[in-house]
N, C-alpha and C. Protein backbone atom coordinates (compact mmCIF):
# COMPACT_ATOMS: atom_id res chain seq x y z
N MET A 1 0.86 -0.96 0.12
CA MET A 1 0.05 0.36 -0.09
C MET A 1 1.17 1.15 0.09
N MET A 2 0.54 2.05 -0.65
CA MET A 2 1.09 3.51 -1.30
C MET A 2 0.05 4.56 0.09
N TYR A 3 0.42 5.40 0.80
CA TYR A 3 0.71 6.73 1.70
C TYR A 3 1.62 8.13 0.76
N PRO A 4 0.06 8.93 0.64
CA PRO A 4 0.01 9.76 0.37
C PRO A 4 1.52 10.98 1.85
N PHE A 5 1.99 11.89 0.80
CA PHE A 5 3.26 12.16 1.40
C PHE A 5 2.71 14.00 1.36
N MET A 6 3.01 14.35 0.60
CA MET A 6 2.98 15.75 -0.11
C MET A 6 2.88 15.84 -1.62
N THR A 7 1.89 16.78 -1.76
CA THR A 7 2.65 17.34 -3.38
C THR A 7 2.71 19.37 -3.47
N LEU A 8 4.17 18.87 -4.23
CA LEU A 8 5.50 20.46 -4.43
C LEU A 8 4.31 20.90 -5.43
N ASN A 9 4.84 22.10 -5.84
CA ASN A 9 3.79 23.87 -6.33
C ASN A 9 3.95 22.78 -7.94
N ASP A 10 4.43 22.03 -8.31
CA ASP A 10 4.64 21.87 -9.19
C ASP A 10 3.91 20.47 -10.29
N GLY A 11 2.95 19.76 -9.06
CA GLY A 11 2.12 18.81 -9.27
C GLY A 11 2.95 17.89 -8.75
N THR A 12 3.93 17.68 -8.71
CA THR A 12 4.44 16.30 -8.05
C THR A 12 3.79 15.89 -7.06
N GLU A 13 3.71 14.44 -6.97
CA GLU A 13 2.40 14.30 -5.66
C GLU A 13 3.52 13.08 -4.81
N ILE A 14 3.90 13.15 -3.67
CA ILE A 14 4.84 12.38 -3.64
C ILE A 14 4.06 11.60 -2.89
N VAL A 15 4.14 10.09 -2.16
CA VAL A 15 3.73 8.96 -1.67
C VAL A 15 4.76 7.24 -1.21
N HIS A 16 4.51 7.43 -0.20
CA HIS A 16 5.58 5.91 0.24
C HIS A 16 4.62 5.10 0.57
N SER A 17 5.96 4.05 0.39
CA SER A 17 5.24 2.68 1.28
C SER A 17 5.31 2.40 2.67
N GLU A 18 5.13 1.77 3.14
CA GLU A 18 4.82 0.39 4.19
C GLU A 18 6.08 -0.08 4.20
N SER A 19 7.01 0.56 6.42
CA SER A 19 7.95 -0.04 6.51
C SER A 19 8.21 -1.43 5.53
N ARG A 20 9.35 -1.81 5.38
CA ARG A 20 9.48 -3.35 5.68
C ARG A 20 11.03 -3.90 5.07
N LEU A 21 11.06 -5.05 5.72
CA LEU A 21 12.52 -5.95 5.56
C LEU A 21 12.36 -6.66 4.91
N VAL A 22 13.48 -6.35 4.46
CA VAL A 22 14.40 -6.36 2.97
C VAL A 22 15.27 -7.08 2.88
N ASP A 23 15.26 -8.67 2.90
CA ASP A 23 16.94 -9.39 3.29
C ASP A 23 17.21 -8.49 4.82
N GLY A 24 16.47 -8.82 5.49
CA GLY A 24 17.23 -7.77 6.84
C GLY A 24 16.80 -7.07 7.04
N SER A 25 16.68 -5.90 6.49
CA SER A 25 17.14 -3.91 6.30
C SER A 25 16.00 -4.37 6.31
N GLU A 26 15.42 -2.80 7.12
CA GLU A 26 13.89 -1.43 6.09
C GLU A 26 13.97 -1.09 4.98
N ASN A 27 13.08 -0.80 4.89
CA ASN A 27 13.90 -0.24 4.26
C ASN A 27 11.56 0.67 3.12
N VAL A 28 11.83 1.37 2.56
CA VAL A 28 10.42 2.29 2.26
C VAL A 28 10.86 2.81 1.03
N LYS A 29 9.70 2.67 0.27
CA LYS A 29 9.19 3.03 -0.81
C LYS A 29 8.73 4.06 -1.05
N VAL A 30 9.51 5.90 -1.80
CA VAL A 30 8.82 7.02 -2.16
C VAL A 30 9.58 7.03 -3.32
N TYR A 31 8.15 7.63 -4.45
CA TYR A 31 7.92 7.28 -5.49
C TYR A 31 7.12 8.84 -5.78
N PHE A 32 7.57 9.50 -6.94
CA PHE A 32 7.79 10.56 -7.11
C PHE A 32 6.69 10.37 -8.47
N GLU A 33 5.48 11.20 -9.22
CA GLU A 33 4.62 11.12 -10.18
C GLU A 33 4.46 12.51 -10.02
N ARG A 34 4.43 12.87 -11.76
CA ARG A 34 3.85 14.67 -12.00
C ARG A 34 2.85 14.56 -13.47
N PRO A 35 1.61 14.71 -13.73
CA PRO A 35 1.48 14.85 -14.38
C PRO A 35 1.82 15.54 -16.21
N VAL A 36 1.74 14.80 -17.45
CA VAL A 36 2.49 15.35 -17.81
C VAL A 36 1.88 15.20 -19.64
N ASN A 37 1.72 16.10 -20.39
CA ASN A 37 0.71 16.10 -21.65
C ASN A 37 2.03 14.73 -22.15
N GLY A 38 0.38 13.08 -21.39
CA GLY A 38 -0.07 12.14 -22.46
C GLY A 38 1.12 11.13 -21.19
N GLY A 39 1.48 12.16 -20.16
CA GLY A 39 1.49 10.44 -19.41
C GLY A 39 1.89 11.78 -17.93
N PHE A 40 2.94 10.37 -17.25
CA PHE A 40 3.45 10.79 -16.44
C PHE A 40 4.63 11.04 -16.22
N ASP A 41 5.51 12.12 -15.51
CA ASP A 41 7.14 11.92 -15.07
C ASP A 41 7.11 11.15 -13.89
N SER A 42 8.42 10.64 -13.37
CA SER A 42 7.91 9.05 -12.22
C SER A 42 9.26 8.65 -11.88
N ALA A 43 9.59 8.87 -10.13
CA ALA A 43 10.89 7.69 -10.03
C ALA A 43 10.39 7.87 -9.10
N GLU A 44 11.32 6.63 -8.04
CA GLU A 44 11.35 6.13 -7.39
C GLU A 44 12.87 6.14 -5.97
N CYS A 45 12.60 6.23 -5.28
CA CYS A 45 13.70 6.09 -4.14
C CYS A 45 13.76 5.19 -3.37
N TYR A 46 14.06 4.68 -2.70
CA TYR A 46 14.37 3.35 -1.31
C TYR A 46 15.01 4.44 -0.41
N LEU A 47 14.70 4.73 0.61
CA LEU A 47 14.86 4.89 1.84
C LEU A 47 15.33 3.85 2.76
N PRO A 48 16.24 3.68 4.16
CA PRO A 48 17.46 4.30 3.95
C PRO A 48 18.11 4.65 2.95
N SER A 49 18.48 3.87 1.96
CA SER A 49 19.62 3.63 1.16
C SER A 49 19.35 4.85 -0.64
N TYR A 50 18.87 5.76 -0.08
CA TYR A 50 18.41 6.62 -1.47
C TYR A 50 18.63 5.71 -2.72
N GLU A 51 18.51 4.60 -2.25
CA GLU A 51 18.95 3.75 -3.92
C GLU A 51 17.11 4.83 -5.59
N TRP A 52 17.83 4.98 -6.34
CA TRP A 52 17.07 5.72 -7.27
C TRP A 52 16.84 4.84 -8.30
N LYS A 53 15.72 4.32 -8.34
CA LYS A 53 14.69 3.56 -9.81
C LYS A 53 13.77 3.84 -10.64
N ASN A 54 14.14 3.29 -11.55
CA ASN A 54 12.74 3.54 -12.52
C ASN A 54 12.89 5.22 -12.69
N ILE A 55 13.57 6.08 -12.88
CA ILE A 55 14.12 7.45 -13.13
C ILE A 55 12.42 7.63 -14.62
N VAL A 56 11.84 8.49 -15.34
CA VAL A 56 11.09 8.94 -16.40
C VAL A 56 10.91 10.48 -16.07
N GLY A 57 11.42 10.86 -17.69
CA GLY A 57 11.37 12.23 -16.76
C GLY A 57 11.90 13.08 -16.70
N TYR A 58 12.28 13.03 -15.74
CA TYR A 58 13.23 14.43 -14.55
C TYR A 58 14.16 14.14 -15.18
N SER A 59 14.52 15.70 -15.02
CA SER A 59 16.06 15.61 -15.73
C SER A 59 16.92 15.50 -14.53
N ASP A 60 18.18 14.97 -14.14
CA ASP A 60 19.49 15.20 -12.94
C ASP A 60 19.24 15.99 -12.48
N LYS A 61 18.75 17.46 -12.50
CA LYS A 61 19.09 18.96 -11.80
C LYS A 61 17.36 18.12 -10.60
N GLU A 62 16.73 17.75 -11.14
CA GLU A 62 15.23 17.71 -10.34
C GLU A 62 15.59 16.44 -9.61
N ILE A 63 15.45 15.21 -10.01
CA ILE A 63 16.26 14.83 -8.61
C ILE A 63 17.05 14.68 -8.62
N GLN A 64 18.92 15.29 -7.95
CA GLN A 64 18.90 16.31 -6.81
C GLN A 64 18.27 17.22 -6.13
N TYR A 65 17.30 17.73 -6.91
CA TYR A 65 16.45 18.82 -5.49
C TYR A 65 15.51 17.43 -4.39
N PHE A 66 14.99 16.09 -5.13
CA PHE A 66 14.79 15.89 -3.84
C PHE A 66 15.86 14.42 -3.36
N GLN A 67 17.29 14.05 -4.16
CA GLN A 67 17.33 14.23 -3.53
C GLN A 67 17.99 15.26 -2.03
N GLU A 68 18.57 15.64 -2.51
CA GLU A 68 18.46 17.18 -1.24
C GLU A 68 16.69 17.00 0.15
N PHE A 69 15.38 16.48 -0.76
CA PHE A 69 14.13 16.84 0.39
C PHE A 69 13.95 15.77 1.13
N LEU A 70 14.47 14.67 0.24
CA LEU A 70 14.27 13.85 0.94
C LEU A 70 15.58 12.99 2.07
N GLU A 71 17.13 13.60 1.84
CA GLU A 71 17.68 13.94 2.94
C GLU A 71 16.59 14.48 4.57
N SER A 72 16.47 15.35 3.97
CA SER A 72 15.70 16.56 4.89
C SER A 72 14.47 15.46 6.01
N THR A 73 14.07 15.05 5.29
CA THR A 73 12.22 14.65 6.02
C THR A 73 12.69 13.14 5.48
N ALA A 74 13.10 11.88 5.21
CA ALA A 74 13.77 10.83 5.60
C ALA A 74 13.29 9.84 7.35
N HIS A 75 13.77 10.45 7.69
CA HIS A 75 12.93 10.24 9.28
C HIS A 75 11.72 10.73 9.75
N ILE A 76 11.32 11.61 9.01
CA ILE A 76 10.14 11.67 9.58
C ILE A 76 9.12 10.55 7.92
N ILE A 77 9.07 10.61 6.66
CA ILE A 77 8.80 10.35 6.12
C ILE A 77 9.09 8.03 6.41
N ILE A 78 10.02 8.20 7.42
CA ILE A 78 10.57 6.42 7.55
C ILE A 78 9.45 6.15 9.53
N GLY A 79 9.67 7.62 9.76
CA GLY A 79 8.21 7.75 10.94
C GLY A 79 6.79 7.18 10.36
N LEU A 80 6.07 7.73 9.83
CA LEU A 80 5.29 7.26 9.39
C LEU A 80 5.12 5.87 8.59
N ALA A 81 5.98 5.66 7.71
CA ALA A 81 5.79 4.47 7.26
C ALA A 81 5.67 3.81 7.56
N ARG A 82 5.95 3.04 9.01
CA ARG A 82 5.96 2.71 10.56
C ARG A 82 4.86 2.26 10.40
N GLU A 83 4.28 3.46 10.71
CA GLU A 83 3.39 3.71 11.08
C GLU A 83 2.13 3.79 10.10
N GLY A 84 2.02 3.52 9.07
CA GLY A 84 0.69 3.82 8.75
C GLY A 84 0.53 4.27 7.82
N GLY A 85 1.22 5.52 7.71
CA GLY A 85 1.08 6.79 6.65
C GLY A 85 0.30 8.52 8.13
N PHE A 86 0.09 8.41 7.85
CA PHE A 86 -0.16 10.13 8.20
C PHE A 86 -1.62 10.25 9.44
N ASP A 87 -2.86 9.31 8.89
CA ASP A 87 -3.73 9.13 9.21
C ASP A 87 -4.21 7.98 10.34
N ASN A 88 -3.33 7.06 10.63
CA ASN A 88 -2.68 5.98 11.37
C ASN A 88 -1.81 7.05 12.33
N ALA A 89 -1.02 7.64 11.92
CA ALA A 89 0.29 8.64 12.82
C ALA A 89 -1.01 9.21 13.79
N ALA A 90 -1.72 9.56 13.48
CA ALA A 90 -2.38 10.81 14.13
C ALA A 90 -3.47 10.37 14.78
N ASN A 91 -3.73 8.73 14.49
CA ASN A 91 -4.31 8.75 15.84
C ASN A 91 -4.09 7.45 16.83
N ILE A 92 -2.57 8.47 16.72
CA ILE A 92 -1.63 7.45 18.17
C ILE A 92 -2.00 7.86 18.89
């Protein structure tokens, strides 16, 4: 399941998965998607390793911006992923 995190001014939606164990390590997928004519730009980043995959349509400069954004918010995203997103975290 993916949980909403934020919408940026350019229409990019940022969502994240729940926290999962992958090969014994915690892993959270963060997905970026922006509507464009005829489809979407998209990219995936996996926390806490900051491994980027499946980048489509975003420039290197935009990915660098997202990297810096994630470096400043990863602790929040990982915490929300452990709790099941904003809605469940608010109920604690």
